[in-house]
Amino acid sequence: MSVGSSPVAAAPTTDVPVVGRRIAVLNWKDPWHPDAGGAEVYAWQVARDLVTAGAQVTFLTARPRGQRGDEVRDGIRIVRIGGRWSIYPRVLGWLSRRRRQFDAVLDCQNGIPFFSPAVLPASVPVVCVIHHVHDRQFRLYFGPLVGRFGAWLEGPVARRVYRRCVTLAVSPSTATAVRERLGWTGPVVVVPNGADADDPPRGSRDVHPRLACVGRVTRHKRVDLVLDAVDHLRSERPDLRLDVVGGGPDVETIRRQVDERGLNGVVTVHGHLPSAERDALLAAAWLHVSGSWGEGWGLVVVEAAAAGLPTVAFDVDGLRDAVRPGRTGWLVEEGEQPARDLAAGLDRALDSVANPAEADRMANECRQWSAAFRWADTGRRVRAVLGDLLAPRAVPWASGDACLVVRTPDPNDLLARVAPLLPHTRHVALDQRSLWILVPGADPAAIRRVLRDVGVPEDAVTESRASRDELLTGVPVRQC
């Protein structure tokens, strides 16, 4: 679908066959792990797509107490070995003994890398999947000494081991962090999460203003800041209510803080809820709110958008990609008093959505934005990257992204001639007078050469920088 202001016809990323390919997916946890989160959803959805497309997938993950070491679910073989820390050397040992049994490996880096290229033949492509950079979280959770060691593994050591690999980032923010904070110089391709909603929650919102804060309750999500913001607002908005929904290690801490702040009756901490109960709360809410200091991608933001619910969040990594300011929510600049900053942002947003016409407009924008992200598209884009690695790529890999607009009287004819010469990972769209091409991980000069080879004059080609929305959706924001 188009997310721009002008109609264009978009062609999806090439659907690459992977029938019979043997692919290993390495991820710290699986969806049935007691601490599973969004990264596990991503890894499992990609694995399911690969199996559906005909690949043979082995999912290597940790083994919590009470779970089987080897089983098959959804056609995927799950091999569980090791605990929170021992999983890394044990996966390397398991993989080294089977180093020639796989055609490709998806190595999901959740802060601590698996370092799979160290034990695999150079002929086996490894795709490194990164959700977000963990340097700040290492220091928060493990202190300065262990934090520096974790950042060293994630940064200089991983940069060396994965230097010949293609990296998948779930958002433009993560892609930027990988390049700037980790110093990686190889190709980074943005492949976002899906946000499928079989039956998006709909219903009448509460008569009184109501907020929902959904997601795992951990320190870096800063739910305590959301409590403080509501505390600042309650004198001016005595009928304001907040629902905190989600499990996690800090649920009881947040419940205790609600009591300490005297917010009982204003804030309800539900913990984990079944989908139907969570969706009922989303349908009743006026806004979704996040106090997180940064994400890889705001999955809960896009899931809230499926319910027509705008989000108020800080202007930080991941969330600035998931929220479209003024259209699907608001981004708040964080100053020296972040709780007051968030309270002010919530106050303005509540005033805005108090207008039924404005609330309806934003709800429609939210649903349209959420509909741009589907797990089938995520899977197709991952398979396109694998297709460009398992066979010679049409153009060489490069560290940047190529985004070009070609003026032509017959875009359909040009597309038919140029498409076979472009990588599987390309995105294209056309209107009556032009063809838009986005090739992640490619040098614009290489795409210009392809166009020149099919007879396109140099002065008909214009280069541009792909926007966040274009990298996420593969669709031009403006008409070509």
Protein backbone atom coordinates (compact mmCIF):
# COMPACT_ATOMS: atom_id res chain seq x y z
CA MET A 1 0.00 0.00 0.00
CA SER A 2 1.10 3.57 -0.44
CA VAL A 3 1.83 5.64 2.62
CA GLY A 4 2.40 8.77 0.61
CA SER A 5 0.24 11.65 -0.44
CA SER A 6 0.03 10.66 -4.10
CA PRO A 7 -1.08 7.38 -5.66
CA VAL A 8 1.63 5.07 -6.96
CA ALA A 9 1.68 1.44 -7.98
CA ALA A 10 4.23 -0.44 -5.86
CA ALA A 11 5.76 -3.78 -6.74
CA PRO A 12 6.77 -5.91 -3.74
CA THR A 13 10.24 -7.22 -3.08
CA THR A 14 10.98 -10.28 -5.21
CA ASP A 15 9.52 -13.50 -3.77
CA VAL A 16 12.64 -15.69 -3.60
CA PRO A 17 12.29 -19.50 -3.59
CA VAL A 18 14.03 -21.25 -0.68
CA VAL A 19 12.61 -24.73 -1.27
CA GLY A 20 14.88 -27.36 0.26
CA ARG A 21 17.30 -24.83 1.74
CA ARG A 22 18.57 -25.75 5.22
CA ILE A 23 18.52 -22.68 7.43
CA ALA A 24 19.46 -22.28 11.09
CA VAL A 25 17.88 -19.50 13.16
CA LEU A 26 19.84 -18.60 16.31
CA ASN A 27 17.92 -16.66 18.95
CA TRP A 28 18.50 -16.38 22.69
CA LYS A 29 14.87 -17.31 23.50
CA ASP A 30 11.87 -18.79 21.72
CA PRO A 31 8.26 -17.57 22.07
CA TRP A 32 7.60 -20.10 24.88
CA HIS A 33 10.43 -18.85 27.07
CA PRO A 34 9.08 -17.16 30.24
CA ASP A 35 10.98 -13.96 29.36
CA ALA A 36 10.08 -13.91 25.65
CA GLY A 37 9.43 -10.55 24.00
CA GLY A 38 9.26 -8.87 20.62
CA ALA A 39 12.59 -10.25 19.38
CA GLU A 40 11.24 -13.78 19.81
CA VAL A 41 8.09 -12.93 17.85
CA TYR A 42 10.26 -11.61 15.01
CA ALA A 43 12.56 -14.65 14.90
CA TRP A 44 9.67 -17.11 15.05
CA GLN A 45 7.57 -15.35 12.40
CA VAL A 46 10.55 -15.30 10.04
CA ALA A 47 11.19 -19.00 10.73
CA ARG A 48 7.53 -19.82 10.03
CA ASP A 49 7.67 -17.92 6.75
CA LEU A 50 10.78 -19.83 5.68
CA VAL A 51 9.11 -23.17 6.44
CA THR A 52 5.96 -22.13 4.58
CA ALA A 53 8.18 -21.26 1.60
CA GLY A 54 9.69 -24.76 1.65
CA ALA A 55 12.87 -24.35 3.70
CA GLN A 56 14.04 -26.74 6.41
CA VAL A 57 14.47 -24.63 9.55
CA THR A 58 16.24 -25.43 12.82
CA PHE A 59 15.63 -22.93 15.64
CA LEU A 60 18.47 -22.92 18.19
CA THR A 61 17.60 -21.35 21.52
CA ALA A 62 18.01 -21.56 25.31
CA ARG A 63 16.34 -24.27 27.38
CA PRO A 64 14.46 -23.00 30.43
CA ARG A 65 13.41 -25.44 33.12
CA GLY A 66 10.54 -27.73 32.15
CA GLN A 67 10.89 -27.38 28.37
CA ARG A 68 11.87 -30.11 25.96
CA GLY A 69 15.34 -30.10 24.45
CA ASP A 70 14.21 -31.12 20.95
CA GLU A 71 10.75 -30.77 19.45
CA VAL A 72 8.91 -29.66 16.31
CA ARG A 73 6.38 -26.82 16.24
CA ASP A 74 4.81 -25.27 13.14
CA GLY A 75 7.12 -27.46 11.06
CA ILE A 76 10.21 -25.93 12.73
CA ARG A 77 12.68 -28.08 14.63
CA ILE A 78 13.48 -26.41 17.97
CA VAL A 79 16.78 -27.35 19.61
CA ARG A 80 17.06 -25.97 23.16
CA ILE A 81 20.49 -26.01 24.78
CA GLY A 82 22.02 -24.01 27.59
CA GLY A 83 20.82 -21.33 29.93
CA ARG A 84 20.98 -17.54 29.91
CA TRP A 85 24.76 -17.41 29.47
CA SER A 86 25.80 -20.95 28.58
CA ILE A 87 23.64 -20.93 25.45
CA TYR A 88 26.30 -18.98 23.53
CA PRO A 89 29.24 -21.42 23.78
CA ARG A 90 26.89 -24.40 23.55
CA VAL A 91 25.27 -23.14 20.34
CA LEU A 92 28.72 -22.53 18.87
CA GLY A 93 29.75 -26.07 19.77
CA TRP A 94 26.54 -27.55 18.33
CA LEU A 95 26.91 -25.51 15.15
CA SER A 96 30.60 -26.29 14.68
CA ARG A 97 29.85 -30.03 14.72
CA ARG A 98 27.26 -29.47 11.96
CA ARG A 99 29.03 -26.66 10.14
CA ARG A 100 28.38 -28.08 6.67
CA GLN A 101 24.76 -29.06 7.26
CA PHE A 102 23.27 -25.60 6.65
CA ASP A 103 22.94 -23.38 3.59
CA ALA A 104 22.47 -20.16 5.57
CA VAL A 105 22.23 -18.90 9.16
CA LEU A 106 20.09 -16.14 10.66
CA ASP A 107 22.08 -15.03 13.71
CA CYS A 108 19.87 -12.87 15.96
CA GLN A 109 22.02 -10.66 18.17
CA ASN A 110 20.26 -9.79 21.43
CA GLY A 111 23.10 -7.77 22.89
CA ILE A 112 25.48 -10.73 23.19
CA PRO A 113 26.34 -12.09 19.72
CA PHE A 114 26.52 -15.80 18.92
CA PHE A 115 29.65 -15.22 16.76
CA SER A 116 28.49 -17.96 14.37
CA PRO A 117 30.79 -16.86 11.49
CA ALA A 118 33.73 -18.00 13.64
CA VAL A 119 32.75 -21.68 13.28
CA LEU A 120 31.07 -21.76 9.85
CA PRO A 121 32.67 -22.16 6.42
CA ALA A 122 33.04 -18.90 4.50
CA SER A 123 30.68 -20.34 1.88
CA VAL A 124 27.75 -20.35 4.37
CA PRO A 125 26.19 -16.86 4.45
CA VAL A 126 25.33 -15.47 7.88
CA VAL A 127 22.71 -12.75 8.24
CA CYS A 128 23.06 -10.86 11.52
CA VAL A 129 19.70 -9.62 12.86
CA ILE A 130 19.90 -6.65 15.26
CA HIS A 131 16.87 -5.19 17.02
CA HIS A 132 18.68 -2.44 18.89
CA VAL A 133 22.07 -1.53 20.29
CA HIS A 134 22.40 -2.53 23.94
CA ASP A 135 25.30 -0.39 25.18
CA ARG A 136 23.15 1.67 27.59
CA GLN A 137 21.24 -1.38 28.79
CA PHE A 138 24.46 -3.23 29.61
CA ARG A 139 25.42 -0.45 32.04
CA LEU A 140 21.90 -0.18 33.47
CA TYR A 141 21.47 -3.88 34.23
CA PHE A 142 25.03 -5.05 34.92
CA GLY A 143 26.95 -2.03 36.21
CA PRO A 144 29.96 -0.23 34.70
CA LEU A 145 32.50 -3.08 34.65
CA VAL A 146 30.35 -5.84 33.13
CA GLY A 147 28.60 -3.18 31.06
CA ARG A 148 31.87 -2.18 29.40
CA PHE A 149 32.65 -5.84 28.69
CA GLY A 150 29.22 -6.35 27.08
CA ALA A 151 29.65 -3.21 24.98
CA TRP A 152 33.09 -4.46 23.88
CA LEU A 153 31.59 -7.77 22.72
CA GLU A 154 28.69 -6.04 20.97
CA GLY A 155 30.93 -3.42 19.38
CA PRO A 156 34.58 -4.05 18.40
CA VAL A 157 34.53 -7.85 18.72
CA ALA A 158 31.25 -8.37 16.83
CA ARG A 159 32.28 -5.78 14.24
CA ARG A 160 35.34 -7.90 13.48
CA VAL A 161 33.57 -11.28 13.43
CA TYR A 162 30.58 -10.13 11.34
CA ARG A 163 32.55 -7.82 9.02
CA ARG A 164 31.68 -9.85 5.90
CA CYS A 165 28.01 -10.35 6.81
CA VAL A 166 24.85 -8.53 5.83
CA THR A 167 23.01 -7.08 8.82
CA LEU A 168 19.23 -6.81 9.15
CA ALA A 169 18.00 -3.92 11.30
CA VAL A 170 14.36 -3.71 12.32
CA SER A 171 14.20 0.08 11.95
CA PRO A 172 16.12 3.03 10.48
CA SER A 173 17.07 4.05 14.05
CA THR A 174 18.72 0.68 14.61
CA ALA A 175 20.47 0.88 11.24
CA THR A 176 21.89 4.28 12.21
CA ALA A 177 22.95 3.03 15.65
CA VAL A 178 24.67 -0.02 14.14
CA ARG A 179 26.69 2.22 11.83
CA GLU A 180 27.40 5.11 14.20
CA ARG A 181 27.54 3.58 17.71
CA LEU A 182 28.92 0.15 16.80
CA GLY A 183 31.02 1.38 13.88
CA TRP A 184 29.88 -1.33 11.45
CA THR A 185 30.77 -0.57 7.84
CA GLY A 186 29.03 -3.41 5.97
CA PRO A 187 25.58 -3.41 4.36
CA VAL A 188 22.63 -2.87 6.71
CA VAL A 189 19.14 -3.64 5.37
CA VAL A 190 16.00 -2.45 7.18
CA VAL A 191 13.39 -5.21 7.58
CA PRO A 192 10.70 -4.16 10.07
CA ASN A 193 8.38 -6.23 12.24
CA GLY A 194 4.91 -7.14 11.08
CA ALA A 195 1.83 -6.08 13.01
CA ASP A 196 -0.86 -8.46 11.84
CA ALA A 197 -4.15 -8.04 13.65
CA ASP A 198 -6.72 -10.68 12.72
CA ASP A 199 -9.49 -8.74 14.44
CA PRO A 200 -8.25 -5.28 15.48
CA PRO A 201 -10.01 -4.11 18.64
CA ARG A 202 -12.80 -1.64 18.00
CA GLY A 203 -15.35 -0.21 20.36
CA SER A 204 -16.45 2.90 22.14
CA ARG A 205 -13.76 4.68 24.07
CA ASP A 206 -14.30 5.62 27.68
CA VAL A 207 -16.30 8.76 28.40
CA HIS A 208 -13.44 10.01 30.57
CA PRO A 209 -9.81 10.31 29.37
CA ARG A 210 -8.01 6.99 29.69
CA LEU A 211 -4.42 6.02 28.88
CA ALA A 212 -2.94 2.61 28.11
CA CYS A 213 0.71 1.70 28.63
CA VAL A 214 1.31 -1.70 27.00
CA GLY A 215 4.49 -3.78 26.89
CA ARG A 216 6.96 -5.67 29.04
CA VAL A 217 7.54 -3.95 32.36
CA THR A 218 11.31 -3.57 32.66
CA ARG A 219 13.59 -0.79 33.83
CA HIS A 220 14.42 0.68 30.43
CA LYS A 221 10.70 0.95 29.59
CA ARG A 222 10.51 3.54 32.41
CA VAL A 223 6.91 2.91 33.41
CA ASP A 224 7.73 4.85 36.59
CA LEU A 225 8.04 7.99 34.42
CA VAL A 226 4.55 7.37 33.10
CA LEU A 227 3.30 7.14 36.70
CA ASP A 228 5.00 10.45 37.51
CA ALA A 229 3.47 12.08 34.42
CA VAL A 230 -0.02 10.95 35.43
CA ASP A 231 0.68 12.20 38.96
CA HIS A 232 1.51 15.64 37.53
CA LEU A 233 -1.73 15.68 35.52
CA ARG A 234 -4.24 14.43 38.06
CA SER A 235 -4.85 17.79 39.77
CA GLU A 236 -5.94 19.29 36.42
CA ARG A 237 -7.52 16.07 35.15
CA PRO A 238 -9.03 14.30 38.18
CA ASP A 239 -10.94 11.85 35.97
CA LEU A 240 -7.79 10.65 34.13
CA ARG A 241 -7.07 6.91 34.38
CA LEU A 242 -4.10 4.75 33.34
CA ASP A 243 -3.98 1.01 32.59
CA VAL A 244 -0.54 -0.63 32.65
CA VAL A 245 -0.66 -3.91 30.72
CA GLY A 246 2.17 -6.40 30.36
CA GLY A 247 4.29 -8.87 32.27
CA GLY A 248 7.94 -8.56 33.19
CA PRO A 249 10.35 -8.53 36.12
CA ASP A 250 9.31 -5.08 37.40
CA VAL A 251 5.52 -5.51 37.61
CA GLU A 252 5.52 -5.75 41.40
CA THR A 253 7.88 -2.78 41.65
CA ILE A 254 5.45 -0.66 39.63
CA ARG A 255 2.53 -1.82 41.78
CA ARG A 256 4.46 -0.75 44.87
CA GLN A 257 5.23 2.64 43.30
CA VAL A 258 1.55 3.17 42.49
CA ASP A 259 0.78 2.67 46.17
CA GLU A 260 3.64 4.93 47.30
CA ARG A 261 2.46 7.74 45.02
CA GLY A 262 -1.13 7.42 46.19
CA LEU A 263 -2.28 6.55 42.67
CA ASN A 264 -4.56 3.66 43.64
CA GLY A 265 -7.87 4.26 41.89
CA VAL A 266 -6.06 6.25 39.18
CA VAL A 267 -3.62 3.61 37.90
CA THR A 268 -4.34 -0.09 37.47
CA VAL A 269 -1.37 -2.42 36.96
CA HIS A 270 -2.86 -5.47 35.27
CA GLY A 271 0.26 -7.52 34.53
CA HIS A 272 -0.01 -9.91 31.60
CA LEU A 273 -3.53 -10.19 30.18
CA PRO A 274 -5.15 -12.47 27.61
CA SER A 275 -5.47 -10.80 24.21
CA ALA A 276 -9.22 -10.21 24.51
CA GLU A 277 -8.88 -8.35 27.83
CA ARG A 278 -5.91 -6.32 26.58
CA ASP A 279 -7.81 -5.39 23.41
CA ALA A 280 -10.83 -4.26 25.44
CA LEU A 281 -8.60 -1.84 27.36
CA LEU A 282 -7.09 -0.54 24.11
CA ALA A 283 -10.56 0.02 22.68
CA ALA A 284 -11.55 2.06 25.76
CA ALA A 285 -8.38 4.18 25.82
CA TRP A 286 -7.90 7.64 24.35
CA LEU A 287 -4.13 7.34 23.96
CA HIS A 288 -1.29 4.85 24.24
CA VAL A 289 1.78 6.10 26.13
CA SER A 290 5.39 4.94 26.36
CA GLY A 291 8.14 6.20 28.66
CA SER A 292 10.85 4.03 27.09
CA TRP A 293 14.31 5.51 26.61
CA GLY A 294 14.67 3.69 23.29
CA GLU A 295 13.56 0.64 21.32
CA GLY A 296 14.63 -1.23 18.23
CA TRP A 297 11.15 -0.73 16.82
CA GLY A 298 7.94 0.27 18.55
CA LEU A 299 6.01 -2.96 18.00
CA VAL A 300 3.46 -2.13 20.73
CA VAL A 301 3.03 1.31 19.14
CA VAL A 302 2.05 -0.21 15.79
CA GLU A 303 -0.16 -2.80 17.50
CA ALA A 304 -1.92 0.03 19.36
CA ALA A 305 -2.28 1.83 16.03
CA ALA A 306 -4.16 -1.22 14.69
CA ALA A 307 -6.79 -0.37 17.31
CA GLY A 308 -6.85 3.23 16.08
CA LEU A 309 -4.95 4.39 19.16
CA PRO A 310 -2.32 7.17 18.81
CA THR A 311 0.84 7.03 20.93
CA VAL A 312 2.63 9.67 22.98
CA ALA A 313 6.32 8.78 23.40
CA PHE A 314 9.74 10.33 23.71
CA ASP A 315 11.64 11.19 20.54
CA VAL A 316 14.07 8.28 20.87
CA ASP A 317 15.40 5.41 18.77
CA GLY A 318 12.74 3.10 17.39
CA LEU A 319 9.80 5.10 18.67
CA ARG A 320 10.59 7.98 16.33
CA ASP A 321 10.27 5.43 13.51
CA ALA A 322 7.00 3.91 14.73
CA VAL A 323 5.22 7.20 15.52
CA ARG A 324 4.33 9.60 12.70
CA PRO A 325 4.04 12.96 14.52
CA GLY A 326 0.67 14.64 14.13
CA ARG A 327 -0.69 11.64 12.24
CA THR A 328 -0.37 8.55 14.45
CA GLY A 329 0.80 10.20 17.65
CA TRP A 330 3.17 12.72 19.20
CA LEU A 331 6.89 12.68 20.02
CA VAL A 332 8.08 14.50 23.13
CA GLU A 333 11.53 16.04 23.49
CA GLU A 334 13.13 14.79 26.71
CA GLY A 335 14.70 17.47 28.90
CA GLU A 336 16.04 17.57 32.44
CA GLN A 337 12.57 16.79 33.86
CA PRO A 338 11.32 13.99 31.61
CA ALA A 339 8.19 13.24 33.67
CA ARG A 340 7.03 16.84 33.33
CA ASP A 341 7.90 16.80 29.62
CA LEU A 342 5.83 13.65 29.15
CA ALA A 343 2.96 15.11 31.20
CA ALA A 344 2.92 18.24 29.01
CA GLY A 345 2.90 16.11 25.86
CA LEU A 346 0.05 13.98 27.19
CA ASP A 347 -1.91 17.08 28.17
CA ARG A 348 -1.67 18.51 24.64
CA ALA A 349 -2.53 15.16 23.08
CA LEU A 350 -5.57 14.67 25.32
CA ASP A 351 -6.82 18.13 24.34
CA SER A 352 -6.41 17.18 20.69
CA VAL A 353 -8.25 13.84 20.79
CA ALA A 354 -11.03 15.34 22.94
CA ASN A 355 -12.28 16.66 19.59
CA PRO A 356 -14.21 13.70 18.07
CA ALA A 357 -13.38 14.70 14.49
CA GLU A 358 -9.66 14.89 15.26
CA ALA A 359 -9.79 11.61 17.17
CA ASP A 360 -11.46 9.92 14.18
CA ARG A 361 -8.90 11.36 11.76
CA MET A 362 -5.99 10.09 13.81
CA ALA A 363 -7.63 6.70 14.36
CA ASN A 364 -7.93 6.26 10.60
CA GLU A 365 -4.29 7.32 10.09
CA CYS A 366 -3.23 4.86 12.79
CA ARG A 367 -5.03 1.93 11.19
CA GLN A 368 -3.63 2.79 7.76
CA TRP A 369 -0.09 2.98 9.16
CA SER A 370 -0.41 -0.31 11.03
CA ALA A 371 -1.75 -2.01 7.90
CA ALA A 372 1.54 -1.18 6.12
CA PHE A 373 3.33 -3.80 8.26
CA ARG A 374 2.59 -7.48 7.70
CA TRP A 375 4.61 -10.53 8.71
CA ALA A 376 4.27 -11.88 5.18
CA ASP A 377 6.14 -8.79 3.94
CA THR A 378 8.79 -9.22 6.64
CA GLY A 379 9.31 -12.83 5.59
CA ARG A 380 9.47 -11.94 1.90
CA ARG A 381 12.10 -9.28 2.57
CA VAL A 382 14.23 -11.68 4.64
CA ARG A 383 14.01 -14.25 1.84
CA ALA A 384 15.06 -11.58 -0.65
CA VAL A 385 18.22 -10.93 1.37
CA LEU A 386 18.90 -14.68 1.50
CA GLY A 387 18.33 -14.89 -2.25
CA ASP A 388 20.95 -12.19 -2.84
CA LEU A 389 23.40 -14.13 -0.64
CA LEU A 390 22.79 -17.69 -1.82
CA ALA A 391 23.41 -16.74 -5.47
CA PRO A 392 25.55 -13.99 -7.04
CA ARG A 393 23.86 -10.64 -6.46
CA ALA A 394 22.83 -8.57 -9.46
CA VAL A 395 24.83 -5.61 -8.10
CA PRO A 396 27.52 -5.70 -5.39
CA TRP A 397 26.66 -5.20 -1.73
CA ALA A 398 27.56 -1.77 -0.33
CA SER A 399 27.23 0.05 2.97
CA GLY A 400 24.60 2.58 1.86
CA ASP A 401 21.19 2.52 0.19
CA ALA A 402 20.43 3.48 -3.40
CA CYS A 403 17.26 5.52 -3.94
CA LEU A 404 16.63 6.88 -7.44
CA VAL A 405 13.80 8.36 -9.49
CA VAL A 406 13.82 7.78 -13.25
CA ARG A 407 11.76 10.01 -15.54
CA THR A 408 10.38 7.98 -18.43
CA PRO A 409 7.35 8.13 -20.73
CA ASP A 410 6.69 4.39 -20.23
CA PRO A 411 7.48 3.29 -16.64
CA ASN A 412 5.98 -0.18 -17.15
CA ASP A 413 8.24 -0.93 -20.10
CA LEU A 414 11.31 0.33 -18.23
CA LEU A 415 10.41 -1.75 -15.18
CA ALA A 416 10.07 -4.88 -17.33
CA ARG A 417 13.55 -4.29 -18.79
CA VAL A 418 15.37 -3.30 -15.60
CA ALA A 419 13.75 -5.60 -12.99
CA PRO A 420 15.70 -8.75 -14.01
CA LEU A 421 18.95 -6.79 -13.58
CA LEU A 422 18.20 -5.58 -10.05
CA PRO A 423 18.79 -7.45 -6.76
CA HIS A 424 15.98 -9.40 -5.12
CA THR A 425 15.97 -6.84 -2.31
CA ARG A 426 14.86 -3.97 -4.54
CA HIS A 427 11.65 -1.99 -4.02
CA VAL A 428 10.06 -0.27 -7.01
CA ALA A 429 7.01 1.90 -7.61
CA LEU A 430 5.74 3.73 -10.65
CA ASP A 431 3.29 6.35 -11.76
CA GLN A 432 2.46 7.67 -15.22
CA ARG A 433 5.77 9.47 -15.76
CA SER A 434 8.45 7.93 -13.55
CA LEU A 435 9.91 4.86 -11.88
CA TRP A 436 11.08 4.92 -8.24
CA ILE A 437 13.79 2.43 -7.22
CA LEU A 438 15.11 1.70 -3.73
CA VAL A 439 17.86 -0.91 -3.33
CA PRO A 440 19.06 -1.39 0.27
CA GLY A 441 22.74 -2.16 0.65
CA ALA A 442 23.71 -0.87 -2.79
CA ASP A 443 25.82 1.92 -4.28
CA PRO A 444 23.69 4.38 -6.33
CA ALA A 445 26.43 4.37 -8.98
CA ALA A 446 25.89 0.62 -9.48
CA ILE A 447 22.16 1.14 -10.07
CA ARG A 448 22.93 4.00 -12.46
CA ARG A 449 25.10 1.61 -14.48
CA VAL A 450 22.23 -0.88 -14.68
CA LEU A 451 19.92 1.86 -15.92
CA ARG A 452 22.51 3.04 -18.44
CA ASP A 453 22.82 -0.51 -19.77
CA VAL A 454 19.11 -0.55 -20.64
CA GLY A 455 19.33 2.81 -22.41
CA VAL A 456 18.28 5.29 -19.72
CA PRO A 457 20.02 8.67 -20.23
CA GLU A 458 21.97 10.03 -17.26
CA ASP A 459 19.94 13.24 -17.05
CA ALA A 460 16.72 11.22 -16.57
CA VAL A 461 17.94 9.85 -13.23
CA THR A 462 17.76 11.71 -9.92
CA GLU A 463 19.24 10.42 -6.68
CA SER A 464 17.60 11.05 -3.32
CA ARG A 465 17.99 9.94 0.27
CA ALA A 466 15.42 7.37 1.33
CA SER A 467 13.23 8.58 4.18
CA ARG A 468 12.45 6.57 7.32
CA ASP A 469 9.01 5.68 5.99
CA GLU A 470 10.44 4.58 2.64
CA LEU A 471 13.03 2.31 4.26
CA LEU A 472 10.33 0.80 6.47
CA THR A 473 7.58 0.27 3.90
CA GLY A 474 9.44 0.09 0.58
CA VAL A 475 6.98 2.64 -0.82
CA PRO A 476 7.76 6.25 -1.85
CA VAL A 477 6.40 8.90 0.47
CA ARG A 478 5.77 11.26 -2.45
CA GLN A 479 4.71 10.48 -5.95
CA CYS A 480 7.69 9.45 -8.09
